[in-house]
């Protein structure tokens, strides 16, 4: 009688086990499906362009020996649960990193936009004060314009502009303009030569023209970065910061985007904004840390020390 009862209990357990295992496996399968959907959403966030770009998995299935026949299936399910838990943790970490990067970028955009508005207001104020006071000789010759009157729009160029200064015009004329057949390359090279000659206003005009005419050329990133350098070397860190930020924002994959972030930090230090400069250096390290040369990495380290970054 006892043997019969024991056999009946064993049969009952064998019949009941598969549904329990099936329910456990179904629950794990549902979690895996949800993880796959979330991972695809993260990939779309990281790679908005699509084109088959995917993230290489950082968690791979452990190499486990083949289970011997008769081994209970619960160990495999437990292993699958552990792998799913690891995937969930990895996904949460990745999502947090993306959110932190977006927050830092928003902060940087707000800071540069504030500088842009301040600089625009200063330029507007300066232009509003632009007047022409006629000389006594001009008044005697019958110039009827009122003293202190605003200069007409057709004559807004100041008397000290390079085109009105023969000596400066001679210096500009001494800089050779290349002619290789590549208009974008020639324009950038000419702007670079003007910058080397310390003819900063002329270099700025040429570099602006190059970027506007050839925004998709490889040298556009070089020209926009050099435009910021020209402003910085001329003692105009506010205009320089805008030029550097525009290069990073509009051409983040350009060859001089990391350089622009570094010099943006330098411009912010000159503007007495060391805390913002530290944020920029952090952005440079986070975005381009694995691509910058060792010399730039050393420059960033020294700049962080000089700005007393934490």
Protein backbone atom coordinates (compact mmCIF):
# COMPACT_ATOMS: atom_id res chain seq x y z
CA UNK A 1 0.00 0.00 0.00
CA UNK A 2 2.76 2.46 0.91
CA UNK A 3 4.66 1.58 -2.25
CA UNK A 4 1.56 2.30 -4.30
CA UNK A 5 1.05 5.70 -2.69
CA UNK A 6 4.71 6.58 -3.29
CA UNK A 7 4.44 5.69 -6.95
CA UNK A 8 1.28 7.78 -7.29
CA UNK A 9 3.00 10.83 -5.72
CA UNK A 10 6.00 10.47 -8.06
CA UNK A 11 3.73 10.30 -11.09
CA UNK A 12 1.87 13.40 -9.91
CA UNK A 13 5.15 15.36 -9.57
CA UNK A 14 6.26 14.33 -13.06
CA UNK A 15 2.98 15.49 -14.54
CA UNK A 16 3.00 18.82 -12.67
CA UNK A 17 6.67 19.72 -13.31
CA UNK A 18 6.45 20.59 -17.03
CA UNK A 19 3.76 23.30 -16.59
CA UNK A 20 5.83 24.96 -13.83
CA UNK A 21 8.96 24.91 -15.94
CA UNK A 22 7.00 26.17 -18.93
CA UNK A 23 5.60 29.06 -16.91
CA UNK A 24 9.10 30.00 -15.65
CA UNK A 25 10.56 29.83 -19.16
CA UNK A 26 7.67 31.90 -20.53
CA UNK A 27 8.28 34.57 -17.90
CA UNK A 28 12.00 34.74 -18.78
CA UNK A 29 11.16 34.85 -22.48
CA UNK A 30 8.86 37.82 -21.85
CA UNK A 31 11.62 39.67 -20.02
CA UNK A 32 14.07 38.97 -22.84
CA UNK A 33 11.56 40.30 -25.38
CA UNK A 34 11.06 43.47 -23.36
CA UNK A 35 14.84 43.94 -23.09
CA UNK A 36 15.22 43.56 -26.84
CA UNK A 37 12.59 46.25 -27.45
CA UNK A 38 14.24 48.63 -24.97
CA UNK A 39 17.70 47.97 -26.45
CA UNK A 40 16.39 48.81 -29.92
CA UNK A 41 14.97 52.06 -28.54
CA UNK A 42 18.36 52.93 -27.00
CA UNK A 43 20.09 52.16 -30.29
CA UNK A 44 17.71 54.47 -32.11
CA UNK A 45 18.57 57.18 -29.55
CA UNK A 46 22.35 56.66 -29.89
CA UNK A 47 22.25 56.18 -33.68
CA UNK A 48 19.35 58.32 -34.96
CA UNK A 49 20.58 57.83 -38.52
CA UNK A 50 19.98 54.10 -38.40
CA UNK A 51 21.67 52.54 -41.42
CA UNK A 52 22.17 49.25 -39.64
CA UNK A 53 24.25 50.64 -36.83
CA UNK A 54 24.14 48.46 -33.75
CA UNK A 55 25.83 48.22 -30.40
CA UNK A 56 28.18 45.33 -29.80
CA UNK A 57 27.01 43.32 -26.78
CA UNK A 58 29.13 43.79 -23.72
CA UNK A 59 27.67 40.72 -22.01
CA UNK A 60 28.10 37.37 -23.69
CA UNK A 61 26.82 33.97 -22.77
CA UNK A 62 29.22 32.17 -20.44
CA UNK A 63 30.89 29.04 -21.74
CA UNK A 64 29.26 26.31 -19.69
CA UNK A 65 29.87 22.59 -20.07
CA UNK A 66 27.12 20.46 -21.58
CA UNK A 67 24.79 19.22 -18.90
CA UNK A 68 24.82 15.46 -18.45
CA UNK A 69 21.63 13.56 -19.28
CA UNK A 70 19.25 13.51 -16.39
CA UNK A 71 20.43 16.84 -14.90
CA UNK A 72 17.46 18.89 -13.65
CA UNK A 73 16.47 21.80 -15.96
CA UNK A 74 16.20 24.31 -13.10
CA UNK A 75 19.96 25.14 -13.31
CA UNK A 76 19.64 26.31 -16.94
CA UNK A 77 16.66 28.52 -16.06
CA UNK A 78 18.54 29.98 -13.13
CA UNK A 79 21.48 30.76 -15.43
CA UNK A 80 19.13 32.41 -17.94
CA UNK A 81 17.62 34.50 -15.15
CA UNK A 82 21.08 35.69 -14.14
CA UNK A 83 21.90 36.67 -17.72
CA UNK A 84 18.63 38.59 -18.06
CA UNK A 85 19.32 40.40 -14.79
CA UNK A 86 22.76 41.37 -16.10
CA UNK A 87 21.23 42.68 -19.33
CA UNK A 88 18.71 44.75 -17.40
CA UNK A 89 21.49 46.27 -15.29
CA UNK A 90 23.57 47.04 -18.39
CA UNK A 91 20.60 48.70 -20.11
CA UNK A 92 19.89 50.85 -17.06
CA UNK A 93 23.53 51.97 -16.94
CA UNK A 94 23.55 52.83 -20.65
CA UNK A 95 20.32 54.81 -20.36
CA UNK A 96 21.73 56.78 -17.43
CA UNK A 97 24.90 57.64 -19.37
CA UNK A 98 22.89 58.89 -22.34
CA UNK A 99 20.73 61.08 -20.09
CA UNK A 100 23.82 62.54 -18.40
CA UNK A 101 25.40 63.34 -21.78
CA UNK A 102 22.23 65.07 -22.97
CA UNK A 103 22.06 67.11 -19.75
CA UNK A 104 25.66 68.29 -20.13
CA UNK A 105 25.05 69.22 -23.76
CA UNK A 106 21.96 71.25 -22.78
CA UNK A 107 24.00 73.10 -20.15
CA UNK A 108 26.69 73.90 -22.71
CA UNK A 109 24.12 75.14 -25.24
CA UNK A 110 22.52 77.40 -22.64
CA UNK A 111 25.89 78.88 -21.63
CA UNK A 112 26.95 79.62 -25.20
CA UNK A 113 23.53 81.05 -26.07
CA UNK A 114 23.86 83.43 -23.11
CA UNK A 115 27.26 84.55 -24.40
CA UNK A 116 25.81 85.01 -27.88
CA UNK A 117 22.98 87.25 -26.61
CA UNK A 118 25.37 89.31 -24.50
CA UNK A 119 27.75 89.77 -27.40
CA UNK A 120 24.92 90.71 -29.80
CA UNK A 121 23.74 93.35 -27.35
CA UNK A 122 27.26 94.79 -27.09
CA UNK A 123 27.69 94.90 -30.88
CA UNK A 124 24.29 96.58 -31.28
CA UNK A 125 25.22 99.19 -28.70
CA UNK A 126 28.55 99.85 -30.41
CA UNK A 127 26.95 100.16 -33.83
CA UNK A 128 24.32 102.52 -32.39
CA UNK A 129 27.09 104.83 -31.21
CA UNK A 130 28.87 104.84 -34.59
CA UNK A 131 28.97 108.53 -35.67
CA UNK A 132 30.99 110.67 -37.98
CA UNK A 133 32.20 114.09 -36.82
CA UNK A 134 33.14 116.25 -39.81
CA UNK A 135 36.52 117.92 -39.70
CA UNK A 136 36.75 121.75 -39.75
CA UNK A 137 38.05 121.57 -43.31
CA UNK A 138 35.04 119.57 -44.44
CA UNK A 139 32.67 122.06 -42.81
CA UNK A 140 34.41 124.94 -44.49
CA UNK A 141 34.10 123.21 -47.83
CA UNK A 142 30.35 123.27 -47.51
CA UNK A 143 29.57 119.88 -45.90
CA UNK A 144 26.04 120.39 -44.63
CA UNK A 145 25.81 117.19 -42.53
CA UNK A 146 25.11 117.98 -38.86
CA UNK A 147 27.99 117.56 -36.44
CA UNK A 148 27.77 114.23 -34.70
CA UNK A 149 25.16 113.02 -37.20
CA UNK A 150 24.86 109.34 -38.02
CA UNK A 151 26.94 108.20 -40.96
CA UNK A 152 24.86 107.23 -44.03
CA UNK A 153 24.40 103.52 -44.64
CA UNK A 154 26.49 103.69 -47.83
CA UNK A 155 29.51 104.91 -45.85
CA UNK A 156 29.52 102.72 -42.78
CA UNK A 157 33.12 101.58 -43.25
CA UNK A 158 35.43 103.22 -40.72
CA UNK A 159 38.42 105.26 -41.80
CA UNK A 160 40.77 102.69 -40.23
CA UNK A 161 39.38 99.73 -42.20
CA UNK A 162 42.10 97.71 -43.97
CA UNK A 163 40.84 98.69 -47.43
CA UNK A 164 41.40 102.40 -46.57
CA UNK A 165 44.89 101.83 -45.13
CA UNK A 166 47.51 101.62 -47.92
CA UNK A 167 50.11 100.07 -45.62
CA UNK A 168 47.77 97.33 -44.50
CA UNK A 169 46.52 96.77 -48.04
CA UNK A 170 50.15 96.21 -49.02
CA UNK A 171 50.52 93.61 -46.26
CA UNK A 172 47.39 91.81 -47.42
CA UNK A 173 48.58 91.94 -51.04
CA UNK A 174 51.82 90.27 -50.01
CA UNK A 175 49.91 87.13 -48.94
CA UNK A 176 49.64 84.81 -51.92
CA UNK A 177 46.20 83.41 -52.76
CA UNK A 178 46.53 79.80 -53.96
CA UNK A 179 44.86 78.58 -57.11
CA UNK A 180 44.81 74.78 -57.25
CA UNK A 181 41.36 74.36 -58.76
CA UNK A 182 39.78 73.37 -55.43
CA UNK A 183 37.94 76.54 -54.39
CA UNK A 184 37.25 75.35 -50.83
CA UNK A 185 40.83 74.23 -50.22
CA UNK A 186 42.22 77.43 -51.72
CA UNK A 187 39.93 79.62 -49.60
CA UNK A 188 40.90 77.83 -46.40
CA UNK A 189 44.61 77.98 -47.26
CA UNK A 190 44.38 81.70 -47.99
CA UNK A 191 42.58 82.32 -44.69
CA UNK A 192 45.26 80.28 -42.91
CA UNK A 193 48.02 82.36 -44.51
CA UNK A 194 46.30 85.58 -43.49
CA UNK A 195 46.04 84.25 -39.93
CA UNK A 196 49.72 83.33 -39.95
CA UNK A 197 50.52 86.89 -41.05
CA UNK A 198 48.47 88.14 -38.07
CA UNK A 199 46.02 89.86 -40.40
CA UNK A 200 43.13 88.71 -38.25
CA UNK A 201 40.18 90.73 -39.63
CA UNK A 202 41.03 89.70 -43.19
CA UNK A 203 41.50 86.09 -42.12
CA UNK A 204 38.15 86.11 -40.34
CA UNK A 205 36.37 87.44 -43.43
CA UNK A 206 37.95 84.78 -45.68
CA UNK A 207 37.27 81.90 -43.27
CA UNK A 208 33.63 82.95 -42.82
CA UNK A 209 33.22 83.05 -46.59
CA UNK A 210 34.76 79.59 -46.94
CA UNK A 211 32.45 77.99 -44.35
CA UNK A 212 29.37 79.66 -45.83
CA UNK A 213 30.23 78.59 -49.38
CA UNK A 214 31.44 75.05 -48.60
CA UNK A 215 29.73 73.83 -45.39
CA UNK A 216 30.08 70.15 -46.34
CA UNK A 217 33.73 70.27 -47.35
CA UNK A 218 36.31 68.51 -45.19
CA UNK A 219 38.06 71.83 -44.58
CA UNK A 220 34.90 73.48 -43.19
CA UNK A 221 35.74 72.12 -39.73
CA UNK A 222 39.29 73.47 -40.06
CA UNK A 223 38.08 76.89 -41.22
CA UNK A 224 35.48 77.30 -38.46
CA UNK A 225 38.02 76.31 -35.82
CA UNK A 226 40.62 78.70 -37.27
CA UNK A 227 37.99 81.46 -37.26
CA UNK A 228 37.72 81.04 -33.51
CA UNK A 229 41.52 81.05 -33.21
CA UNK A 230 41.67 84.31 -35.16
CA UNK A 231 39.16 85.92 -32.79
CA UNK A 232 41.00 84.55 -29.75
CA UNK A 233 44.38 85.79 -30.99
CA UNK A 234 42.86 89.21 -31.69
CA UNK A 235 41.70 89.43 -28.07
CA UNK A 236 38.00 88.75 -28.69
CA UNK A 237 37.22 85.68 -26.54
CA UNK A 238 33.45 86.25 -26.67
CA UNK A 239 33.33 85.99 -30.47
CA UNK A 240 35.83 83.16 -30.32
CA UNK A 241 33.64 81.15 -27.94
CA UNK A 242 30.71 81.40 -30.37
CA UNK A 243 32.85 80.31 -33.34
CA UNK A 244 34.26 77.33 -31.42
CA UNK A 245 30.88 76.22 -30.13
CA UNK A 246 29.32 76.47 -33.60
CA UNK A 247 32.02 74.18 -34.96
CA UNK A 248 31.36 71.58 -32.25
CA UNK A 249 27.59 71.76 -32.56
CA UNK A 250 27.27 71.90 -36.36
CA UNK A 251 30.23 69.67 -37.28
CA UNK A 252 30.67 67.28 -34.32
CA UNK A 253 32.37 64.70 -36.54
CA UNK A 254 34.72 67.24 -38.13
CA UNK A 255 38.44 66.82 -37.68
CA UNK A 256 38.77 70.02 -35.66
CA UNK A 257 35.72 69.57 -33.41
CA UNK A 258 37.86 68.34 -30.46
CA UNK A 259 40.24 71.30 -30.93
CA UNK A 260 37.28 73.69 -30.90
CA UNK A 261 36.08 72.30 -27.56
CA UNK A 262 39.55 72.73 -26.10
CA UNK A 263 39.86 76.33 -27.30
CA UNK A 264 36.30 77.03 -26.19
CA UNK A 265 37.47 76.19 -22.70
CA UNK A 266 40.41 78.58 -23.14
CA UNK A 267 38.05 81.35 -24.29
CA UNK A 268 35.78 80.78 -21.28
CA UNK A 269 38.77 81.05 -18.95
CA UNK A 270 39.61 84.43 -20.52
CA UNK A 271 35.97 85.44 -19.99
CA UNK A 272 36.39 84.66 -16.26
CA UNK A 273 34.14 81.58 -16.51
CA UNK A 274 36.36 78.78 -15.14
CA UNK A 275 33.42 76.65 -13.98
CA UNK A 276 31.97 76.64 -17.50
CA UNK A 277 35.43 75.90 -18.89
CA UNK A 278 35.62 72.83 -16.66
CA UNK A 279 32.30 71.61 -18.08
CA UNK A 280 33.67 72.03 -21.59
CA UNK A 281 36.84 70.08 -20.74
CA UNK A 282 34.65 67.33 -19.28
CA UNK A 283 32.57 67.27 -22.47
CA UNK A 284 35.74 67.01 -24.54
CA UNK A 285 36.99 64.05 -22.52
CA UNK A 286 33.63 62.27 -22.56
CA UNK A 287 32.95 62.69 -26.28
CA UNK A 288 36.43 62.53 -27.81
CA UNK A 289 38.56 60.98 -25.07
CA UNK A 290 39.39 57.88 -27.11
CA UNK A 291 40.17 59.84 -30.30
CA UNK A 292 42.36 62.78 -29.25
CA UNK A 293 46.13 62.67 -29.45
CA UNK A 294 48.24 62.20 -26.35
CA UNK A 295 49.51 65.78 -26.68
CA UNK A 296 45.96 67.18 -26.55
CA UNK A 297 45.09 64.93 -23.60
CA UNK A 298 48.09 66.40 -21.78
CA UNK A 299 46.99 69.94 -22.72
CA UNK A 300 43.49 69.23 -21.37
CA UNK A 301 44.95 67.92 -18.11
CA UNK A 302 47.04 71.08 -17.70
CA UNK A 303 44.06 73.29 -18.60
CA UNK A 304 41.88 71.54 -16.01
CA UNK A 305 44.57 72.13 -13.39
CA UNK A 306 44.86 75.81 -14.36
CA UNK A 307 41.08 76.25 -14.17
CA UNK A 308 41.02 74.41 -10.81
CA UNK A 309 38.52 71.83 -12.05
CA UNK A 310 37.46 69.29 -9.47
